[in-house]
Amino acid sequence: MSDKQDLIKRMLELQKKFIAYEHENGLDPFDYYTPKPGHPLENYRQEYQELATKVLDLAHAEVGSRR
């Protein structure tokens, strides 16, 4: 599996966990934007953003473009 596919797979795993959490608990914006240590969404936004940026960079590299 390519690096890009691995990154996308991880992004999908994160999305599934997020959706499951939201369905079970609802979503308080504070939990999403400023979760307390140990909260299930503690690093969600940061990790997802990093993965998305890497996927974007890899996609640009594949086609020879830049952002």
PDB file of N, CA and C in Angstrom:
ATOM      1  N   MET A   1       0.844  -1.170   0.000  1.00  0.00           N
ATOM      2  CA  MET A   1       0.000   0.000   0.000  1.00  0.00           C
ATOM      3  C   MET A   1       0.897   1.243   0.000  1.00  0.00           C
ATOM      4  N   SER A   2       0.509   2.245  -0.744  1.00  0.00           N
ATOM      5  CA  SER A   2       1.322   3.449  -0.828  1.00  0.00           C
ATOM      6  C   SER A   2       1.168   4.294   0.429  1.00  0.00           C
ATOM      7  N   ASP A   3       2.092   5.213   0.570  1.00  0.00           N
ATOM      8  CA  ASP A   3       2.012   6.124   1.723  1.00  0.00           C
ATOM      9  C   ASP A   3       0.689   6.876   1.738  1.00  0.00           C
ATOM     10  N   LYS A   4       0.272   7.360   0.568  1.00  0.00           N
ATOM     11  CA  LYS A   4      -0.972   8.128   0.492  1.00  0.00           C
ATOM     12  C   LYS A   4      -2.156   7.265   0.909  1.00  0.00           C
ATOM     13  N   GLN A   5      -2.191   6.031   0.476  1.00  0.00           N
ATOM     14  CA  GLN A   5      -3.287   5.136   0.848  1.00  0.00           C
ATOM     15  C   GLN A   5      -3.288   4.871   2.350  1.00  0.00           C
ATOM     16  N   ASP A   6      -2.114   4.717   2.940  1.00  0.00           N
ATOM     17  CA  ASP A   6      -2.015   4.504   4.391  1.00  0.00           C
ATOM     18  C   ASP A   6      -2.532   5.725   5.151  1.00  0.00           C
ATOM     19  N   LEU A   7      -2.177   6.900   4.663  1.00  0.00           N
ATOM     20  CA  LEU A   7      -2.641   8.132   5.307  1.00  0.00           C
ATOM     21  C   LEU A   7      -4.158   8.258   5.216  1.00  0.00           C
ATOM     22  N   ILE A   8      -4.701   7.971   4.046  1.00  0.00           N
ATOM     23  CA  ILE A   8      -6.146   8.048   3.856  1.00  0.00           C
ATOM     24  C   ILE A   8      -6.855   7.010   4.732  1.00  0.00           C
ATOM     25  N   LYS A   9      -6.279   5.836   4.829  1.00  0.00           N
ATOM     26  CA  LYS A   9      -6.855   4.796   5.687  1.00  0.00           C
ATOM     27  C   LYS A   9      -6.917   5.278   7.133  1.00  0.00           C
ATOM     28  N   ARG A  10      -5.862   5.909   7.603  1.00  0.00           N
ATOM     29  CA  ARG A  10      -5.844   6.431   8.977  1.00  0.00           C
ATOM     30  C   ARG A  10      -6.880   7.547   9.134  1.00  0.00           C
ATOM     31  N   MET A  11      -7.011   8.410   8.129  1.00  0.00           N
ATOM     32  CA  MET A  11      -8.011   9.472   8.184  1.00  0.00           C
ATOM     33  C   MET A  11      -9.414   8.886   8.313  1.00  0.00           C
ATOM     34  N   LEU A  12      -9.685   7.827   7.572  1.00  0.00           N
ATOM     35  CA  LEU A  12     -11.002   7.181   7.644  1.00  0.00           C
ATOM     36  C   LEU A  12     -11.233   6.555   9.018  1.00  0.00           C
ATOM     37  N   GLU A  13     -10.189   5.978   9.604  1.00  0.00           N
ATOM     38  CA  GLU A  13     -10.304   5.421  10.956  1.00  0.00           C
ATOM     39  C   GLU A  13     -10.658   6.525  11.952  1.00  0.00           C
ATOM     40  N   LEU A  14      -9.980   7.658  11.830  1.00  0.00           N
ATOM     41  CA  LEU A  14     -10.261   8.781  12.722  1.00  0.00           C
ATOM     42  C   LEU A  14     -11.691   9.278  12.550  1.00  0.00           C
ATOM     43  N   GLN A  15     -12.141   9.367  11.304  1.00  0.00           N
ATOM     44  CA  GLN A  15     -13.510   9.816  11.052  1.00  0.00           C
ATOM     45  C   GLN A  15     -14.531   8.876  11.672  1.00  0.00           C
ATOM     46  N   LYS A  16     -14.303   7.573  11.549  1.00  0.00           N
ATOM     47  CA  LYS A  16     -15.222   6.598  12.122  1.00  0.00           C
ATOM     48  C   LYS A  16     -15.289   6.738  13.640  1.00  0.00           C
ATOM     49  N   LYS A  17     -14.119   6.920  14.278  1.00  0.00           N
ATOM     50  CA  LYS A  17     -14.094   7.096  15.727  1.00  0.00           C
ATOM     51  C   LYS A  17     -14.813   8.378  16.128  1.00  0.00           C
ATOM     52  N   PHE A  18     -14.597   9.436  15.367  1.00  0.00           N
ATOM     53  CA  PHE A  18     -15.248  10.709  15.654  1.00  0.00           C
ATOM     54  C   PHE A  18     -16.761  10.576  15.550  1.00  0.00           C
ATOM     55  N   ILE A  19     -17.236   9.974  14.480  1.00  0.00           N
ATOM     56  CA  ILE A  19     -18.677   9.806  14.269  1.00  0.00           C
ATOM     57  C   ILE A  19     -19.285   8.949  15.370  1.00  0.00           C
ATOM     58  N   ALA A  20     -18.602   7.882  15.737  1.00  0.00           N
ATOM     59  CA  ALA A  20     -19.104   7.020  16.811  1.00  0.00           C
ATOM     60  C   ALA A  20     -19.190   7.797  18.122  1.00  0.00           C
ATOM     61  N   TYR A  21     -18.152   8.585  18.416  1.00  0.00           N
ATOM     62  CA  TYR A  21     -18.170   9.392  19.638  1.00  0.00           C
ATOM     63  C   TYR A  21     -19.332  10.378  19.608  1.00  0.00           C
ATOM     64  N   GLU A  22     -19.511  11.050  18.487  1.00  0.00           N
ATOM     65  CA  GLU A  22     -20.578  12.044  18.359  1.00  0.00           C
ATOM     66  C   GLU A  22     -21.956  11.411  18.525  1.00  0.00           C
ATOM     67  N   HIS A  23     -22.159  10.237  17.939  1.00  0.00           N
ATOM     68  CA  HIS A  23     -23.457   9.569  18.049  1.00  0.00           C
ATOM     69  C   HIS A  23     -23.743   9.129  19.482  1.00  0.00           C
ATOM     70  N   GLU A  24     -22.711   8.703  20.198  1.00  0.00           N
ATOM     71  CA  GLU A  24     -22.902   8.224  21.569  1.00  0.00           C
ATOM     72  C   GLU A  24     -23.030   9.365  22.577  1.00  0.00           C
ATOM     73  N   ASN A  25     -22.287  10.451  22.343  1.00  0.00           N
ATOM     74  CA  ASN A  25     -22.163  11.496  23.361  1.00  0.00           C
ATOM     75  C   ASN A  25     -22.647  12.870  22.937  1.00  0.00           C
ATOM     76  N   GLY A  26     -22.973  13.038  21.683  1.00  0.00           N
ATOM     77  CA  GLY A  26     -23.202  14.386  21.193  1.00  0.00           C
ATOM     78  C   GLY A  26     -21.851  15.070  21.066  1.00  0.00           C
ATOM     79  N   LEU A  27     -21.873  16.320  20.672  1.00  0.00           N
ATOM     80  CA  LEU A  27     -20.590  16.994  20.505  1.00  0.00           C
ATOM     81  C   LEU A  27     -20.674  18.415  21.037  1.00  0.00           C
ATOM     82  N   ASP A  28     -19.923  18.648  22.080  1.00  0.00           N
ATOM     83  CA  ASP A  28     -19.772  19.981  22.631  1.00  0.00           C
ATOM     84  C   ASP A  28     -18.605  20.634  21.880  1.00  0.00           C
ATOM     85  N   PRO A  29     -18.780  21.829  21.343  1.00  0.00           N
ATOM     86  CA  PRO A  29     -17.684  22.480  20.615  1.00  0.00           C
ATOM     87  C   PRO A  29     -16.391  22.576  21.429  1.00  0.00           C
ATOM     88  N   PHE A  30     -16.511  22.733  22.739  1.00  0.00           N
ATOM     89  CA  PHE A  30     -15.310  22.786  23.573  1.00  0.00           C
ATOM     90  C   PHE A  30     -14.539  21.469  23.511  1.00  0.00           C
ATOM     91  N   ASP A  31     -15.254  20.354  23.450  1.00  0.00           N
ATOM     92  CA  ASP A  31     -14.595  19.053  23.356  1.00  0.00           C
ATOM     93  C   ASP A  31     -13.892  18.881  22.019  1.00  0.00           C
ATOM     94  N   TYR A  32     -14.405  19.521  20.999  1.00  0.00           N
ATOM     95  CA  TYR A  32     -13.806  19.420  19.669  1.00  0.00           C
ATOM     96  C   TYR A  32     -12.602  20.358  19.538  1.00  0.00           C
ATOM     97  N   TYR A  33     -12.769  21.611  19.951  1.00  0.00           N
ATOM     98  CA  TYR A  33     -11.723  22.607  19.756  1.00  0.00           C
ATOM     99  C   TYR A  33     -10.693  22.667  20.879  1.00  0.00           C
ATOM    100  N   THR A  34     -11.116  22.417  22.098  1.00  0.00           N
ATOM    101  CA  THR A  34     -10.182  22.486  23.226  1.00  0.00           C
ATOM    102  C   THR A  34     -10.438  21.334  24.202  1.00  0.00           C
ATOM    103  N   PRO A  35     -10.248  20.100  23.745  1.00  0.00           N
ATOM    104  CA  PRO A  35     -10.506  18.958  24.636  1.00  0.00           C
ATOM    105  C   PRO A  35      -9.497  18.911  25.781  1.00  0.00           C
ATOM    106  N   LYS A  36      -9.972  18.450  26.903  1.00  0.00           N
ATOM    107  CA  LYS A  36      -9.098  18.298  28.069  1.00  0.00           C
ATOM    108  C   LYS A  36      -8.208  17.064  27.885  1.00  0.00           C
ATOM    109  N   PRO A  37      -7.068  17.034  28.561  1.00  0.00           N
ATOM    110  CA  PRO A  37      -6.191  15.857  28.472  1.00  0.00           C
ATOM    111  C   PRO A  37      -6.949  14.575  28.807  1.00  0.00           C
ATOM    112  N   GLY A  38      -6.725  13.558  28.005  1.00  0.00           N
ATOM    113  CA  GLY A  38      -7.374  12.269  28.210  1.00  0.00           C
ATOM    114  C   GLY A  38      -8.717  12.128  27.513  1.00  0.00           C
ATOM    115  N   HIS A  39      -9.227  13.222  26.969  1.00  0.00           N
ATOM    116  CA  HIS A  39     -10.507  13.185  26.252  1.00  0.00           C
ATOM    117  C   HIS A  39     -10.312  12.405  24.945  1.00  0.00           C
ATOM    118  N   PRO A  40     -11.307  11.628  24.510  1.00  0.00           N
ATOM    119  CA  PRO A  40     -11.169  10.844  23.270  1.00  0.00           C
ATOM    120  C   PRO A  40     -10.844  11.697  22.035  1.00  0.00           C
ATOM    121  N   LEU A  41     -11.197  12.974  22.054  1.00  0.00           N
ATOM    122  CA  LEU A  41     -10.903  13.841  20.905  1.00  0.00           C
ATOM    123  C   LEU A  41      -9.670  14.712  21.131  1.00  0.00           C
ATOM    124  N   GLU A  42      -8.880  14.361  22.120  1.00  0.00           N
ATOM    125  CA  GLU A  42      -7.748  15.202  22.518  1.00  0.00           C
ATOM    126  C   GLU A  42      -6.842  15.609  21.360  1.00  0.00           C
ATOM    127  N   ASN A  43      -6.442  14.701  20.514  1.00  0.00           N
ATOM    128  CA  ASN A  43      -5.525  15.030  19.417  1.00  0.00           C
ATOM    129  C   ASN A  43      -6.162  14.874  18.044  1.00  0.00           C
ATOM    130  N   TYR A  44      -7.459  14.704  18.020  1.00  0.00           N
ATOM    131  CA  TYR A  44      -8.153  14.427  16.756  1.00  0.00           C
ATOM    132  C   TYR A  44      -7.888  15.497  15.698  1.00  0.00           C
ATOM    133  N   ARG A  45      -8.184  16.735  16.018  1.00  0.00           N
ATOM    134  CA  ARG A  45      -8.056  17.804  15.024  1.00  0.00           C
ATOM    135  C   ARG A  45      -6.631  17.939  14.512  1.00  0.00           C
ATOM    136  N   GLN A  46      -5.661  17.908  15.401  1.00  0.00           N
ATOM    137  CA  GLN A  46      -4.273  18.061  15.006  1.00  0.00           C
ATOM    138  C   GLN A  46      -3.825  16.916  14.100  1.00  0.00           C
ATOM    139  N   GLU A  47      -4.125  15.695  14.514  1.00  0.00           N
ATOM    140  CA  GLU A  47      -3.698  14.539  13.725  1.00  0.00           C
ATOM    141  C   GLU A  47      -4.380  14.531  12.363  1.00  0.00           C
ATOM    142  N   TYR A  48      -5.685  14.811  12.352  1.00  0.00           N
ATOM    143  CA  TYR A  48      -6.420  14.793  11.090  1.00  0.00           C
ATOM    144  C   TYR A  48      -5.877  15.865  10.140  1.00  0.00           C
ATOM    145  N   GLN A  49      -5.593  17.050  10.654  1.00  0.00           N
ATOM    146  CA  GLN A  49      -5.066  18.133   9.824  1.00  0.00           C
ATOM    147  C   GLN A  49      -3.694  17.775   9.260  1.00  0.00           C
ATOM    148  N   GLU A  50      -2.842  17.186  10.077  1.00  0.00           N
ATOM    149  CA  GLU A  50      -1.518  16.771   9.620  1.00  0.00           C
ATOM    150  C   GLU A  50      -1.627  15.722   8.511  1.00  0.00           C
ATOM    151  N   LEU A  51      -2.508  14.753   8.708  1.00  0.00           N
ATOM    152  CA  LEU A  51      -2.705  13.717   7.691  1.00  0.00           C
ATOM    153  C   LEU A  51      -3.235  14.315   6.390  1.00  0.00           C
ATOM    154  N   ALA A  52      -4.216  15.194   6.501  1.00  0.00           N
ATOM    155  CA  ALA A  52      -4.807  15.812   5.315  1.00  0.00           C
ATOM    156  C   ALA A  52      -3.763  16.628   4.547  1.00  0.00           C
ATOM    157  N   THR A  53      -2.907  17.330   5.264  1.00  0.00           N
ATOM    158  CA  THR A  53      -1.859  18.114   4.613  1.00  0.00           C
ATOM    159  C   THR A  53      -0.868  17.208   3.893  1.00  0.00           C
ATOM    160  N   LYS A  54      -0.499  16.106   4.517  1.00  0.00           N
ATOM    161  CA  LYS A  54       0.422  15.164   3.877  1.00  0.00           C
ATOM    162  C   LYS A  54      -0.196  14.571   2.612  1.00  0.00           C
ATOM    163  N   VAL A  55      -1.475  14.198   2.681  1.00  0.00           N
ATOM    164  CA  VAL A  55      -2.157  13.648   1.508  1.00  0.00           C
ATOM    165  C   VAL A  55      -2.189  14.686   0.393  1.00  0.00           C
ATOM    166  N   LEU A  56      -2.485  15.911   0.737  1.00  0.00           N
ATOM    167  CA  LEU A  56      -2.514  16.993  -0.244  1.00  0.00           C
ATOM    168  C   LEU A  56      -1.143  17.177  -0.891  1.00  0.00           C
ATOM    169  N   ASP A  57      -0.098  17.188  -0.081  1.00  0.00           N
ATOM    170  CA  ASP A  57       1.259  17.341  -0.618  1.00  0.00           C
ATOM    171  C   ASP A  57       1.638  16.182  -1.537  1.00  0.00           C
ATOM    172  N   LEU A  58       1.279  14.967  -1.154  1.00  0.00           N
ATOM    173  CA  LEU A  58       1.570  13.805  -1.993  1.00  0.00           C
ATOM    174  C   LEU A  58       0.802  13.868  -3.314  1.00  0.00           C
ATOM    175  N   ALA A  59      -0.434  14.295  -3.253  1.00  0.00           N
ATOM    176  CA  ALA A  59      -1.247  14.410  -4.473  1.00  0.00           C
ATOM    177  C   ALA A  59      -0.655  15.457  -5.414  1.00  0.00           C
ATOM    178  N   HIS A  60      -0.217  16.565  -4.872  1.00  0.00           N
ATOM    179  CA  HIS A  60       0.410  17.588  -5.707  1.00  0.00           C
ATOM    180  C   HIS A  60       1.701  17.056  -6.331  1.00  0.00           C
ATOM    181  N   ALA A  61       2.477  16.323  -5.552  1.00  0.00           N
ATOM    182  CA  ALA A  61       3.730  15.764  -6.066  1.00  0.00           C
ATOM    183  C   ALA A  61       3.473  14.781  -7.202  1.00  0.00           C
ATOM    184  N   GLU A  62       2.387  14.007  -7.091  1.00  0.00           N
ATOM    185  CA  GLU A  62       2.055  13.024  -8.124  1.00  0.00           C
ATOM    186  C   GLU A  62       1.786  13.678  -9.477  1.00  0.00           C
ATOM    187  N   VAL A  63       1.144  14.827  -9.465  1.00  0.00           N
ATOM    188  CA  VAL A  63       0.768  15.464 -10.722  1.00  0.00           C
ATOM    189  C   VAL A  63       1.701  16.618 -11.095  1.00  0.00           C
ATOM    190  N   GLY A  64       2.697  16.872 -10.255  1.00  0.00           N
ATOM    191  CA  GLY A  64       3.658  17.902 -10.565  1.00  0.00           C
ATOM    192  C   GLY A  64       3.165  19.321 -10.356  1.00  0.00           C
ATOM    193  N   SER A  65       2.170  19.484  -9.512  1.00  0.00           N
ATOM    194  CA  SER A  65       1.662  20.820  -9.226  1.00  0.00           C
ATOM    195  C   SER A  65       2.122  21.234  -7.831  1.00  0.00           C
ATOM    196  N   ARG A  66       1.733  22.408  -7.452  1.00  0.00           N
ATOM    197  CA  ARG A  66       2.035  22.866  -6.100  1.00  0.00           C
ATOM    198  C   ARG A  66       0.896  23.717  -5.591  1.00  0.00           C
ATOM    199  N   ARG A  67       0.860  23.875  -4.315  1.00  0.00           N
ATOM    200  CA  ARG A  67      -0.208  24.679  -3.740  1.00  0.00           C
ATOM    201  C   ARG A  67       0.281  26.017  -3.323  1.00  0.00           C
TER     202      ARG A  67
END
